[in-house]
Amino acid sequence: MNIKVDPAAVTPEQFLSWVTTQDGRYELVDGEVVMMAGAGRRHDAIVVNLTAALHAQTRGGPCQTFTGDTYVITSPSTRRMPDLGVDCGKPDDDSLVADKPALLVEVLSPTTGGFDVTVKLAEYQALPCLDHILFVDTDSPNVHLYSRGPDSAWKDAVLKGLDAVIRLDKLNVTLRLHDVYAGLEFRPRPRLVE
């Protein structure tokens, strides 16, 4: 659902001032306010598991874990809300925006997955400070990791199964899919029967 706050394009300053008075979750996309869809329990469980695992490994270091309430600037007129991330900058305590995001995580849902892995991926890959982008499937233990190499080129890997391990070398972080999906059960996949 798109909501226009003002007939003209909304500035980032207007948006950030307005959004603090709202109950829902919103992004600013090319100067237009867009309401975010709500998340289900599986999505929330994965976000909580990831937040706990990331925070445990970044606490006390130069980078801080942030939640979906922190915005990421992807263009002069766009402010995105990834599900969580790691900021290696020096954000002001009152800031709603990540300073230098090094990792952004999107937990995919059937309704937003296609958008996230196309439009948001391109926006995120354009951020010079970003080292890792992680897309996490909610229905099966699969993740798609994009990492920026020393030559600044993006490489990607698909990791499958609860025994898989995500290595975020630039952050010195290791995540086990077993921990990412802790507490969740998976439906068996349908099989063809002869």
Protein backbone atom coordinates (compact mmCIF):
# COMPACT_ATOMS: atom_id res chain seq x y z
CA MET A 1 0.00 0.00 0.00
CA ASN A 2 1.44 3.37 -1.01
CA ILE A 3 0.65 6.37 1.16
CA LYS A 4 1.42 9.88 0.00
CA VAL A 5 2.17 12.17 2.92
CA ASP A 6 2.37 15.18 0.66
CA PRO A 7 1.37 15.68 -2.99
CA ALA A 8 4.99 16.44 -3.86
CA ALA A 9 7.81 13.97 -3.38
CA VAL A 10 8.60 13.46 0.29
CA THR A 11 12.11 14.43 1.35
CA PRO A 12 14.10 12.04 3.55
CA GLU A 13 13.99 14.61 6.35
CA GLN A 14 10.17 14.90 6.14
CA PHE A 15 9.86 11.12 6.04
CA LEU A 16 12.09 10.46 9.07
CA SER A 17 10.27 13.13 11.06
CA TRP A 18 6.85 11.73 10.07
CA VAL A 19 7.67 8.04 10.50
CA THR A 20 8.57 8.42 14.19
CA THR A 21 4.93 9.32 14.88
CA GLN A 22 3.50 6.24 13.10
CA ASP A 23 2.56 2.83 14.43
CA GLY A 24 3.16 0.92 11.18
CA ARG A 25 6.40 0.26 9.34
CA TYR A 26 7.21 2.32 6.26
CA GLU A 27 9.96 2.79 3.71
CA LEU A 28 10.68 5.80 1.54
CA VAL A 29 11.08 4.71 -2.10
CA ASP A 30 11.99 7.37 -4.65
CA GLY A 31 10.28 10.03 -2.55
CA GLU A 32 7.10 8.00 -1.97
CA VAL A 33 6.03 6.50 1.37
CA VAL A 34 5.40 2.76 1.13
CA MET A 35 3.83 0.70 3.92
CA MET A 36 5.67 -2.52 4.79
CA ALA A 37 3.84 -5.84 4.99
CA GLY A 38 3.60 -7.52 8.38
CA ALA A 39 5.79 -10.52 9.15
CA GLY A 40 4.70 -14.00 10.23
CA ARG A 41 5.90 -16.03 13.19
CA ARG A 42 8.46 -18.04 11.17
CA HIS A 43 9.94 -14.80 9.82
CA ASP A 44 10.12 -13.35 13.34
CA ALA A 45 11.74 -16.51 14.77
CA ILE A 46 14.47 -16.40 12.12
CA VAL A 47 15.09 -12.67 12.70
CA VAL A 48 15.37 -13.23 16.47
CA ASN A 49 17.76 -16.18 15.99
CA LEU A 50 19.94 -14.19 13.58
CA THR A 51 19.94 -11.08 15.79
CA ALA A 52 21.05 -13.12 18.82
CA ALA A 53 23.79 -14.94 16.87
CA LEU A 54 25.12 -11.78 15.21
CA HIS A 55 25.00 -9.69 18.38
CA ALA A 56 26.88 -12.35 20.35
CA GLN A 57 29.73 -12.21 17.81
CA THR A 58 29.86 -8.45 17.21
CA ARG A 59 29.34 -7.24 20.82
CA GLY A 60 32.32 -5.27 22.10
CA GLY A 61 33.84 -4.89 18.63
CA PRO A 62 33.88 -2.00 16.18
CA CYS A 63 30.54 -3.02 14.60
CA GLN A 64 27.02 -3.12 16.03
CA THR A 65 24.05 -5.32 15.15
CA PHE A 66 20.89 -3.39 14.24
CA THR A 67 17.27 -4.43 13.87
CA GLY A 68 14.57 -3.77 11.29
CA ASP A 69 13.87 -0.40 12.90
CA THR A 70 17.04 1.05 11.34
CA TYR A 71 16.95 2.53 7.86
CA VAL A 72 19.58 2.16 5.15
CA ILE A 73 20.12 4.94 2.59
CA THR A 74 20.17 3.32 -0.87
CA SER A 75 19.69 6.53 -2.90
CA PRO A 76 19.13 10.23 -2.17
CA SER A 77 15.34 9.64 -2.07
CA THR A 78 15.13 6.02 -0.80
CA ARG A 79 15.33 4.68 2.77
CA ARG A 80 15.05 0.88 3.12
CA MET A 81 14.39 -1.24 6.22
CA PRO A 82 16.25 -4.55 6.00
CA ASP A 83 15.23 -7.15 8.59
CA LEU A 84 18.54 -6.69 10.38
CA GLY A 85 22.17 -5.89 9.73
CA VAL A 86 25.56 -4.91 11.07
CA ASP A 87 26.76 -1.29 11.07
CA CYS A 88 30.53 -0.68 11.19
CA GLY A 89 30.23 3.10 11.25
CA LYS A 90 29.73 5.57 14.07
CA PRO A 91 25.98 6.30 14.08
CA ASP A 92 24.59 8.97 16.37
CA ASP A 93 22.62 7.41 19.24
CA ASP A 94 19.46 9.20 18.07
CA SER A 95 19.88 8.34 14.39
CA LEU A 96 17.29 6.21 12.59
CA VAL A 97 19.80 5.45 9.82
CA ALA A 98 22.77 3.03 9.66
CA ASP A 99 26.06 4.88 9.17
CA LYS A 100 28.16 2.26 7.33
CA PRO A 101 26.22 -0.98 6.95
CA ALA A 102 28.57 -3.91 6.34
CA LEU A 103 25.90 -6.66 6.37
CA LEU A 104 22.24 -6.49 5.40
CA VAL A 105 19.83 -9.40 5.94
CA GLU A 106 16.45 -9.95 4.32
CA VAL A 107 14.30 -12.85 5.53
CA LEU A 108 12.24 -13.74 2.48
CA SER A 109 8.51 -14.22 2.42
CA PRO A 110 6.42 -15.56 -0.46
CA THR A 111 4.97 -12.08 -1.07
CA THR A 112 8.20 -10.05 -1.01
CA GLY A 113 10.91 -12.56 -1.94
CA GLY A 114 11.02 -11.79 -5.66
CA PHE A 115 11.22 -8.05 -5.02
CA ASP A 116 13.93 -8.44 -2.39
CA VAL A 117 16.23 -10.57 -4.55
CA THR A 118 15.96 -8.26 -7.55
CA VAL A 119 15.28 -4.59 -6.72
CA LYS A 120 16.69 -4.52 -3.19
CA LEU A 121 19.68 -6.65 -4.17
CA ALA A 122 20.67 -4.15 -6.86
CA GLU A 123 20.21 -1.22 -4.45
CA TYR A 124 22.24 -2.93 -1.72
CA GLN A 125 25.08 -3.96 -4.05
CA ALA A 126 25.51 -0.30 -5.03
CA LEU A 127 26.43 0.65 -1.42
CA PRO A 128 30.24 1.04 -1.30
CA CYS A 129 30.52 0.18 2.42
CA LEU A 130 28.53 -3.06 2.20
CA ASP A 131 30.45 -6.37 2.33
CA HIS A 132 27.71 -8.99 2.71
CA ILE A 133 24.04 -9.42 1.76
CA LEU A 134 22.14 -12.42 3.11
CA PHE A 135 18.76 -13.63 1.88
CA VAL A 136 17.18 -16.23 4.16
CA ASP A 137 14.39 -18.59 3.07
CA THR A 138 11.57 -19.07 5.58
CA ASP A 139 10.21 -22.36 4.21
CA SER A 140 13.40 -24.42 3.96
CA PRO A 141 16.92 -24.19 5.45
CA ASN A 142 18.47 -22.31 2.53
CA VAL A 143 20.30 -19.00 2.36
CA HIS A 144 21.78 -17.02 -0.51
CA LEU A 145 24.90 -15.11 0.49
CA TYR A 146 26.43 -12.31 -1.58
CA SER A 147 29.93 -11.19 -0.57
CA ARG A 148 32.09 -8.44 -2.03
CA GLY A 149 35.56 -9.70 -2.93
CA PRO A 150 38.88 -7.85 -2.70
CA ASP A 151 38.39 -6.75 -6.32
CA SER A 152 35.00 -5.21 -5.32
CA ALA A 153 33.16 -7.81 -7.45
CA TRP A 154 30.20 -9.57 -5.85
CA LYS A 155 30.32 -13.35 -5.49
CA ASP A 156 27.36 -15.41 -4.41
CA ALA A 157 26.82 -18.80 -2.80
CA VAL A 158 23.72 -20.79 -1.96
CA LEU A 159 23.99 -22.71 1.31
CA LYS A 160 21.52 -25.51 1.96
CA GLY A 161 20.68 -27.71 4.92
CA LEU A 162 20.89 -27.31 8.67
CA ASP A 163 24.56 -28.40 8.68
CA ALA A 164 25.63 -25.53 6.41
CA VAL A 165 27.75 -22.69 7.80
CA ILE A 166 27.69 -19.04 6.73
CA ARG A 167 31.11 -17.38 6.90
CA LEU A 168 31.16 -13.59 6.97
CA ASP A 169 34.94 -13.26 6.86
CA LYS A 170 35.15 -9.46 6.76
CA LEU A 171 33.10 -9.31 9.98
CA ASN A 172 34.79 -12.33 11.59
CA VAL A 173 31.33 -13.89 12.03
CA THR A 174 30.24 -17.49 11.52
CA LEU A 175 26.57 -18.51 11.53
CA ARG A 176 25.30 -22.09 11.51
CA LEU A 177 22.02 -22.67 9.70
CA HIS A 178 21.10 -24.97 12.59
CA ASP A 179 21.13 -21.87 14.83
CA VAL A 180 19.44 -19.61 12.25
CA TYR A 181 16.48 -22.01 12.04
CA ALA A 182 16.48 -23.12 15.71
CA GLY A 183 12.99 -23.99 16.94
CA LEU A 184 11.45 -24.28 13.46
CA GLU A 185 10.12 -27.39 11.77
CA PHE A 186 10.04 -27.95 8.03
CA ARG A 187 7.28 -29.61 6.05
CA PRO A 188 8.42 -32.56 3.98
CA ARG A 189 8.66 -31.78 0.29
CA PRO A 190 6.15 -33.54 -1.94
CA ARG A 191 7.52 -36.52 -3.84
CA LEU A 192 6.40 -38.04 -7.07
CA VAL A 193 4.99 -41.52 -6.60
CA GLU A 194 5.01 -44.10 -9.36
